[in-house]
Amino acid sequence: MSSAMSPLALFTIASAIWGSTWLAIKFQLGGVVPLEASVAYRFALAGVILAAWCARQRQSLRFAPRTLRQEVVQVQNQSA
């Protein structure tokens, strides 16, 4: 059995996470912390979760520089 998730499952997870960020923004508007700190800890938390996921899946967070160049070119082509 393949360990890869279906595109529908990946889309559902990404949509749920992305869509639920309004909760964090809504509860944060009360002046809990400055915006810069808010963004920093949210990205830090996402990084920790990503690192834990990759460690659990035994996947590296590194990729070849050639892959990075290809991705940058692809994003540039999409935004043009």
PDB file of N, CA and C in Angstrom:
ATOM      1  N   MET A   1       0.841  -1.180   0.000  1.00  0.00           N
ATOM      2  CA  MET A   1       0.000   0.000   0.000  1.00  0.00           C
ATOM      3  C   MET A   1       0.884   1.241   0.000  1.00  0.00           C
ATOM      4  N   SER A   2       0.549   2.189  -0.808  1.00  0.00           N
ATOM      5  CA  SER A   2       1.335   3.414  -0.935  1.00  0.00           C
ATOM      6  C   SER A   2       1.093   4.334   0.252  1.00  0.00           C
ATOM      7  N   SER A   3       2.152   5.021   0.689  1.00  0.00           N
ATOM      8  CA  SER A   3       2.013   5.952   1.808  1.00  0.00           C
ATOM      9  C   SER A   3       1.673   7.355   1.330  1.00  0.00           C
ATOM     10  N   ALA A   4       1.612   7.560   0.025  1.00  0.00           N
ATOM     11  CA  ALA A   4       1.298   8.877  -0.515  1.00  0.00           C
ATOM     12  C   ALA A   4      -0.185   9.177  -0.311  1.00  0.00           C
ATOM     13  N   MET A   5      -0.457  10.426  -0.003  1.00  0.00           N
ATOM     14  CA  MET A   5      -1.841  10.846   0.201  1.00  0.00           C
ATOM     15  C   MET A   5      -2.447  11.254  -1.135  1.00  0.00           C
ATOM     16  N   SER A   6      -3.733  11.116  -1.237  1.00  0.00           N
ATOM     17  CA  SER A   6      -4.410  11.489  -2.474  1.00  0.00           C
ATOM     18  C   SER A   6      -4.435  13.011  -2.612  1.00  0.00           C
ATOM     19  N   PRO A   7      -4.515  13.499  -3.831  1.00  0.00           N
ATOM     20  CA  PRO A   7      -4.608  14.952  -4.026  1.00  0.00           C
ATOM     21  C   PRO A   7      -5.799  15.568  -3.296  1.00  0.00           C
ATOM     22  N   LEU A   8      -6.906  14.844  -3.218  1.00  0.00           N
ATOM     23  CA  LEU A   8      -8.079  15.366  -2.520  1.00  0.00           C
ATOM     24  C   LEU A   8      -7.798  15.522  -1.024  1.00  0.00           C
ATOM     25  N   ALA A   9      -7.117  14.543  -0.442  1.00  0.00           N
ATOM     26  CA  ALA A   9      -6.781  14.631   0.974  1.00  0.00           C
ATOM     27  C   ALA A   9      -5.826  15.793   1.232  1.00  0.00           C
ATOM     28  N   LEU A  10      -4.828  15.943   0.388  1.00  0.00           N
ATOM     29  CA  LEU A  10      -3.888  17.048   0.542  1.00  0.00           C
ATOM     30  C   LEU A  10      -4.592  18.393   0.390  1.00  0.00           C
ATOM     31  N   PHE A  11      -5.493  18.507  -0.577  1.00  0.00           N
ATOM     32  CA  PHE A  11      -6.246  19.743  -0.778  1.00  0.00           C
ATOM     33  C   PHE A  11      -7.125  20.040   0.432  1.00  0.00           C
ATOM     34  N   THR A  12      -7.773  19.018   0.969  1.00  0.00           N
ATOM     35  CA  THR A  12      -8.643  19.203   2.123  1.00  0.00           C
ATOM     36  C   THR A  12      -7.854  19.669   3.342  1.00  0.00           C
ATOM     37  N   ILE A  13      -6.704  19.069   3.585  1.00  0.00           N
ATOM     38  CA  ILE A  13      -5.872  19.458   4.719  1.00  0.00           C
ATOM     39  C   ILE A  13      -5.378  20.890   4.554  1.00  0.00           C
ATOM     40  N   ALA A  14      -4.865  21.208   3.367  1.00  0.00           N
ATOM     41  CA  ALA A  14      -4.363  22.566   3.126  1.00  0.00           C
ATOM     42  C   ALA A  14      -5.482  23.597   3.270  1.00  0.00           C
ATOM     43  N   SER A  15      -6.665  23.286   2.753  1.00  0.00           N
ATOM     44  CA  SER A  15      -7.796  24.215   2.856  1.00  0.00           C
ATOM     45  C   SER A  15      -8.231  24.410   4.297  1.00  0.00           C
ATOM     46  N   ALA A  16      -8.256  23.341   5.061  1.00  0.00           N
ATOM     47  CA  ALA A  16      -8.656  23.442   6.467  1.00  0.00           C
ATOM     48  C   ALA A  16      -7.669  24.286   7.259  1.00  0.00           C
ATOM     49  N   ILE A  17      -6.393  24.065   7.036  1.00  0.00           N
ATOM     50  CA  ILE A  17      -5.380  24.835   7.759  1.00  0.00           C
ATOM     51  C   ILE A  17      -5.415  26.288   7.325  1.00  0.00           C
ATOM     52  N   TRP A  18      -5.420  26.508   6.030  1.00  0.00           N
ATOM     53  CA  TRP A  18      -5.406  27.876   5.508  1.00  0.00           C
ATOM     54  C   TRP A  18      -6.672  28.619   5.919  1.00  0.00           C
ATOM     55  N   GLY A  19      -7.794  27.951   5.821  1.00  0.00           N
ATOM     56  CA  GLY A  19      -9.065  28.580   6.150  1.00  0.00           C
ATOM     57  C   GLY A  19      -9.259  28.859   7.626  1.00  0.00           C
ATOM     58  N   SER A  20      -8.593  28.084   8.466  1.00  0.00           N
ATOM     59  CA  SER A  20      -8.769  28.282   9.910  1.00  0.00           C
ATOM     60  C   SER A  20      -7.849  29.359  10.480  1.00  0.00           C
ATOM     61  N   THR A  21      -6.964  29.908   9.678  1.00  0.00           N
ATOM     62  CA  THR A  21      -6.070  30.936  10.217  1.00  0.00           C
ATOM     63  C   THR A  21      -6.828  32.194  10.614  1.00  0.00           C
ATOM     64  N   TRP A  22      -8.041  32.365  10.109  1.00  0.00           N
ATOM     65  CA  TRP A  22      -8.807  33.531  10.512  1.00  0.00           C
ATOM     66  C   TRP A  22      -9.108  33.489  12.003  1.00  0.00           C
ATOM     67  N   LEU A  23      -9.172  32.286  12.581  1.00  0.00           N
ATOM     68  CA  LEU A  23      -9.378  32.189  14.032  1.00  0.00           C
ATOM     69  C   LEU A  23      -8.220  32.822  14.792  1.00  0.00           C
ATOM     70  N   ALA A  24      -7.010  32.513  14.377  1.00  0.00           N
ATOM     71  CA  ALA A  24      -5.836  33.089  15.030  1.00  0.00           C
ATOM     72  C   ALA A  24      -5.829  34.598  14.865  1.00  0.00           C
ATOM     73  N   ILE A  25      -6.157  35.065  13.695  1.00  0.00           N
ATOM     74  CA  ILE A  25      -6.172  36.509  13.451  1.00  0.00           C
ATOM     75  C   ILE A  25      -7.275  37.167  14.270  1.00  0.00           C
ATOM     76  N   LYS A  26      -8.440  36.569  14.315  1.00  0.00           N
ATOM     77  CA  LYS A  26      -9.577  37.141  15.046  1.00  0.00           C
ATOM     78  C   LYS A  26      -9.260  37.269  16.531  1.00  0.00           C
ATOM     79  N   PHE A  27      -8.701  36.227  17.122  1.00  0.00           N
ATOM     80  CA  PHE A  27      -8.420  36.263  18.548  1.00  0.00           C
ATOM     81  C   PHE A  27      -7.196  37.116  18.865  1.00  0.00           C
ATOM     82  N   GLN A  28      -6.396  37.405  17.892  1.00  0.00           N
ATOM     83  CA  GLN A  28      -5.189  38.172  18.110  1.00  0.00           C
ATOM     84  C   GLN A  28      -5.412  39.671  17.973  1.00  0.00           C
ATOM     85  N   LEU A  29      -6.486  40.074  17.377  1.00  0.00           N
ATOM     86  CA  LEU A  29      -6.734  41.485  17.154  1.00  0.00           C
ATOM     87  C   LEU A  29      -6.942  42.250  18.459  1.00  0.00           C
ATOM     88  N   GLY A  30      -7.081  41.562  19.543  1.00  0.00           N
ATOM     89  CA  GLY A  30      -7.264  42.205  20.832  1.00  0.00           C
ATOM     90  C   GLY A  30      -5.991  42.797  21.400  1.00  0.00           C
ATOM     91  N   GLY A  31      -4.909  42.790  20.662  1.00  0.00           N
ATOM     92  CA  GLY A  31      -3.668  43.391  21.123  1.00  0.00           C
ATOM     93  C   GLY A  31      -2.825  42.477  21.991  1.00  0.00           C
ATOM     94  N   VAL A  32      -2.881  41.190  21.726  1.00  0.00           N
ATOM     95  CA  VAL A  32      -2.128  40.224  22.516  1.00  0.00           C
ATOM     96  C   VAL A  32      -0.630  40.444  22.364  1.00  0.00           C
ATOM     97  N   VAL A  33      -0.158  40.446  21.143  1.00  0.00           N
ATOM     98  CA  VAL A  33       1.261  40.668  20.856  1.00  0.00           C
ATOM     99  C   VAL A  33       1.376  41.526  19.601  1.00  0.00           C
ATOM    100  N   PRO A  34       2.501  42.182  19.418  1.00  0.00           N
ATOM    101  CA  PRO A  34       2.680  42.945  18.184  1.00  0.00           C
ATOM    102  C   PRO A  34       2.597  42.033  16.958  1.00  0.00           C
ATOM    103  N   LEU A  35       2.226  42.613  15.843  1.00  0.00           N
ATOM    104  CA  LEU A  35       2.045  41.846  14.609  1.00  0.00           C
ATOM    105  C   LEU A  35       3.302  41.078  14.224  1.00  0.00           C
ATOM    106  N   GLU A  36       4.469  41.701  14.363  1.00  0.00           N
ATOM    107  CA  GLU A  36       5.712  41.025  13.973  1.00  0.00           C
ATOM    108  C   GLU A  36       5.932  39.763  14.795  1.00  0.00           C
ATOM    109  N   ALA A  37       5.673  39.833  16.085  1.00  0.00           N
ATOM    110  CA  ALA A  37       5.838  38.654  16.943  1.00  0.00           C
ATOM    111  C   ALA A  37       4.810  37.593  16.580  1.00  0.00           C
ATOM    112  N   SER A  38       3.605  38.029  16.257  1.00  0.00           N
ATOM    113  CA  SER A  38       2.549  37.110  15.873  1.00  0.00           C
ATOM    114  C   SER A  38       2.955  36.308  14.646  1.00  0.00           C
ATOM    115  N   VAL A  39       3.443  37.002  13.643  1.00  0.00           N
ATOM    116  CA  VAL A  39       3.865  36.337  12.413  1.00  0.00           C
ATOM    117  C   VAL A  39       5.040  35.407  12.703  1.00  0.00           C
ATOM    118  N   ALA A  40       5.972  35.864  13.515  1.00  0.00           N
ATOM    119  CA  ALA A  40       7.156  35.060  13.819  1.00  0.00           C
ATOM    120  C   ALA A  40       6.794  33.757  14.514  1.00  0.00           C
ATOM    121  N   TYR A  41       5.933  33.820  15.532  1.00  0.00           N
ATOM    122  CA  TYR A  41       5.646  32.562  16.228  1.00  0.00           C
ATOM    123  C   TYR A  41       4.753  31.649  15.404  1.00  0.00           C
ATOM    124  N   ARG A  42       3.919  32.195  14.541  1.00  0.00           N
ATOM    125  CA  ARG A  42       3.117  31.328  13.680  1.00  0.00           C
ATOM    126  C   ARG A  42       3.990  30.596  12.669  1.00  0.00           C
ATOM    127  N   PHE A  43       4.971  31.297  12.084  1.00  0.00           N
ATOM    128  CA  PHE A  43       5.880  30.639  11.148  1.00  0.00           C
ATOM    129  C   PHE A  43       6.783  29.647  11.884  1.00  0.00           C
ATOM    130  N   ALA A  44       7.210  29.991  13.092  1.00  0.00           N
ATOM    131  CA  ALA A  44       8.038  29.067  13.873  1.00  0.00           C
ATOM    132  C   ALA A  44       7.268  27.792  14.193  1.00  0.00           C
ATOM    133  N   LEU A  45       6.022  27.940  14.591  1.00  0.00           N
ATOM    134  CA  LEU A  45       5.185  26.773  14.885  1.00  0.00           C
ATOM    135  C   LEU A  45       4.994  25.915  13.637  1.00  0.00           C
ATOM    136  N   ALA A  46       4.752  26.556  12.497  1.00  0.00           N
ATOM    137  CA  ALA A  46       4.607  25.809  11.243  1.00  0.00           C
ATOM    138  C   ALA A  46       5.892  25.067  10.903  1.00  0.00           C
ATOM    139  N   GLY A  47       7.037  25.699  11.130  1.00  0.00           N
ATOM    140  CA  GLY A  47       8.318  25.054  10.869  1.00  0.00           C
ATOM    141  C   GLY A  47       8.551  23.839  11.752  1.00  0.00           C
ATOM    142  N   VAL A  48       8.197  23.965  13.014  1.00  0.00           N
ATOM    143  CA  VAL A  48       8.349  22.844  13.949  1.00  0.00           C
ATOM    144  C   VAL A  48       7.441  21.687  13.540  1.00  0.00           C
ATOM    145  N   ILE A  49       6.215  22.011  13.167  1.00  0.00           N
ATOM    146  CA  ILE A  49       5.285  20.962  12.734  1.00  0.00           C
ATOM    147  C   ILE A  49       5.794  20.285  11.461  1.00  0.00           C
ATOM    148  N   LEU A  50       6.287  21.077  10.509  1.00  0.00           N
ATOM    149  CA  LEU A  50       6.831  20.510   9.272  1.00  0.00           C
ATOM    150  C   LEU A  50       8.035  19.618   9.555  1.00  0.00           C
ATOM    151  N   ALA A  51       8.937  20.075  10.415  1.00  0.00           N
ATOM    152  CA  ALA A  51      10.121  19.275  10.752  1.00  0.00           C
ATOM    153  C   ALA A  51       9.723  17.969  11.436  1.00  0.00           C
ATOM    154  N   ALA A  52       8.749  18.037  12.340  1.00  0.00           N
ATOM    155  CA  ALA A  52       8.286  16.823  13.019  1.00  0.00           C
ATOM    156  C   ALA A  52       7.649  15.850  12.031  1.00  0.00           C
ATOM    157  N   TRP A  53       6.848  16.388  11.121  1.00  0.00           N
ATOM    158  CA  TRP A  53       6.204  15.542  10.102  1.00  0.00           C
ATOM    159  C   TRP A  53       7.253  14.851   9.238  1.00  0.00           C
ATOM    160  N   CYS A  54       8.238  15.619   8.789  1.00  0.00           N
ATOM    161  CA  CYS A  54       9.286  15.046   7.934  1.00  0.00           C
ATOM    162  C   CYS A  54      10.107  14.013   8.696  1.00  0.00           C
ATOM    163  N   ALA A  55      10.377  14.280   9.965  1.00  0.00           N
ATOM    164  CA  ALA A  55      11.122  13.308  10.767  1.00  0.00           C
ATOM    165  C   ALA A  55      10.315  12.020  10.920  1.00  0.00           C
ATOM    166  N   ARG A  56       9.024  12.159  11.156  1.00  0.00           N
ATOM    167  CA  ARG A  56       8.166  10.986  11.309  1.00  0.00           C
ATOM    168  C   ARG A  56       8.095  10.186  10.011  1.00  0.00           C
ATOM    169  N   GLN A  57       8.054  10.887   8.885  1.00  0.00           N
ATOM    170  CA  GLN A  57       7.982  10.231   7.587  1.00  0.00           C
ATOM    171  C   GLN A  57       9.363   9.823   7.059  1.00  0.00           C
ATOM    172  N   ARG A  58      10.392  10.194   7.810  1.00  0.00           N
ATOM    173  CA  ARG A  58      11.789   9.949   7.417  1.00  0.00           C
ATOM    174  C   ARG A  58      12.097  10.568   6.052  1.00  0.00           C
ATOM    175  N   GLN A  59      11.656  11.813   5.896  1.00  0.00           N
ATOM    176  CA  GLN A  59      11.923  12.568   4.677  1.00  0.00           C
ATOM    177  C   GLN A  59      12.831  13.734   5.014  1.00  0.00           C
ATOM    178  N   SER A  60      13.717  14.031   4.124  1.00  0.00           N
ATOM    179  CA  SER A  60      14.649  15.130   4.325  1.00  0.00           C
ATOM    180  C   SER A  60      13.986  16.446   3.949  1.00  0.00           C
ATOM    181  N   LEU A  61      14.378  17.496   4.641  1.00  0.00           N
ATOM    182  CA  LEU A  61      13.913  18.839   4.298  1.00  0.00           C
ATOM    183  C   LEU A  61      14.817  19.479   3.253  1.00  0.00           C
ATOM    184  N   ARG A  62      15.869  18.791   2.892  1.00  0.00           N
ATOM    185  CA  ARG A  62      16.813  19.317   1.900  1.00  0.00           C
ATOM    186  C   ARG A  62      16.438  18.849   0.506  1.00  0.00           C
ATOM    187  N   PHE A  63      16.785  19.670  -0.448  1.00  0.00           N
ATOM    188  CA  PHE A  63      16.610  19.291  -1.842  1.00  0.00           C
ATOM    189  C   PHE A  63      17.731  19.909  -2.644  1.00  0.00           C
ATOM    190  N   ALA A  64      17.931  19.400  -3.830  1.00  0.00           N
ATOM    191  CA  ALA A  64      19.045  19.820  -4.676  1.00  0.00           C
ATOM    192  C   ALA A  64      18.842  21.261  -5.150  1.00  0.00           C
ATOM    193  N   PRO A  65      19.935  22.028  -5.272  1.00  0.00           N
ATOM    194  CA  PRO A  65      19.823  23.404  -5.789  1.00  0.00           C
ATOM    195  C   PRO A  65      19.141  23.464  -7.152  1.00  0.00           C
ATOM    196  N   ARG A  66      19.337  22.441  -7.965  1.00  0.00           N
ATOM    197  CA  ARG A  66      18.694  22.407  -9.287  1.00  0.00           C
ATOM    198  C   ARG A  66      17.173  22.406  -9.124  1.00  0.00           C
ATOM    199  N   THR A  67      16.682  21.673  -8.150  1.00  0.00           N
ATOM    200  CA  THR A  67      15.246  21.631  -7.891  1.00  0.00           C
ATOM    201  C   THR A  67      14.740  23.010  -7.487  1.00  0.00           C
ATOM    202  N   LEU A  68      15.495  23.701  -6.651  1.00  0.00           N
ATOM    203  CA  LEU A  68      15.104  25.045  -6.227  1.00  0.00           C
ATOM    204  C   LEU A  68      15.023  25.988  -7.426  1.00  0.00           C
ATOM    205  N   ARG A  69      16.013  25.934  -8.289  1.00  0.00           N
ATOM    206  CA  ARG A  69      15.995  26.789  -9.484  1.00  0.00           C
ATOM    207  C   ARG A  69      14.770  26.488 -10.349  1.00  0.00           C
ATOM    208  N   GLN A  70      14.452  25.214 -10.514  1.00  0.00           N
ATOM    209  CA  GLN A  70      13.294  24.838 -11.320  1.00  0.00           C
ATOM    210  C   GLN A  70      12.003  25.376 -10.702  1.00  0.00           C
ATOM    211  N   GLU A  71      11.896  25.299  -9.399  1.00  0.00           N
ATOM    212  CA  GLU A  71      10.696  25.795  -8.719  1.00  0.00           C
ATOM    213  C   GLU A  71      10.575  27.307  -8.842  1.00  0.00           C
ATOM    214  N   VAL A  72      11.699  28.015  -8.682  1.00  0.00           N
ATOM    215  CA  VAL A  72      11.678  29.474  -8.797  1.00  0.00           C
ATOM    216  C   VAL A  72      11.256  29.884 -10.206  1.00  0.00           C
ATOM    217  N   VAL A  73      11.795  29.227 -11.204  1.00  0.00           N
ATOM    218  CA  VAL A  73      11.428  29.528 -12.589  1.00  0.00           C
ATOM    219  C   VAL A  73       9.947  29.248 -12.815  1.00  0.00           C
ATOM    220  N   GLN A  74       9.457  28.148 -12.275  1.00  0.00           N
ATOM    221  CA  GLN A  74       8.059  27.793 -12.449  1.00  0.00           C
ATOM    222  C   GLN A  74       7.153  28.856 -11.807  1.00  0.00           C
ATOM    223  N   VAL A  75       7.483  29.313 -10.611  1.00  0.00           N
ATOM    224  CA  VAL A  75       6.684  30.342  -9.943  1.00  0.00           C
ATOM    225  C   VAL A  75       6.736  31.647 -10.724  1.00  0.00           C
ATOM    226  N   GLN A  76       7.902  31.996 -11.227  1.00  0.00           N
ATOM    227  CA  GLN A  76       8.031  33.214 -12.020  1.00  0.00           C
ATOM    228  C   GLN A  76       7.191  33.136 -13.289  1.00  0.00           C
ATOM    229  N   ASN A  77       7.171  31.986 -13.914  1.00  0.00           N
ATOM    230  CA  ASN A  77       6.375  31.805 -15.135  1.00  0.00           C
ATOM    231  C   ASN A  77       4.880  31.885 -14.841  1.00  0.00           C
ATOM    232  N   GLN A  78       4.469  31.405 -13.688  1.00  0.00           N
ATOM    233  CA  GLN A  78       3.062  31.440 -13.333  1.00  0.00           C
ATOM    234  C   GLN A  78       2.596  32.852 -13.009  1.00  0.00           C
ATOM    235  N   SER A  79       3.489  33.658 -12.439  1.00  0.00           N
ATOM    236  CA  SER A  79       3.098  35.012 -12.051  1.00  0.00           C
ATOM    237  C   SER A  79       3.204  35.999 -13.213  1.00  0.00           C
ATOM    238  N   ALA A  80       3.786  35.565 -14.308  1.00  0.00           N
ATOM    239  CA  ALA A  80       3.952  36.471 -15.471  1.00  0.00           C
ATOM    240  C   ALA A  80       2.706  36.523 -16.325  1.00  0.00           C
TER     241      ALA A  80
END
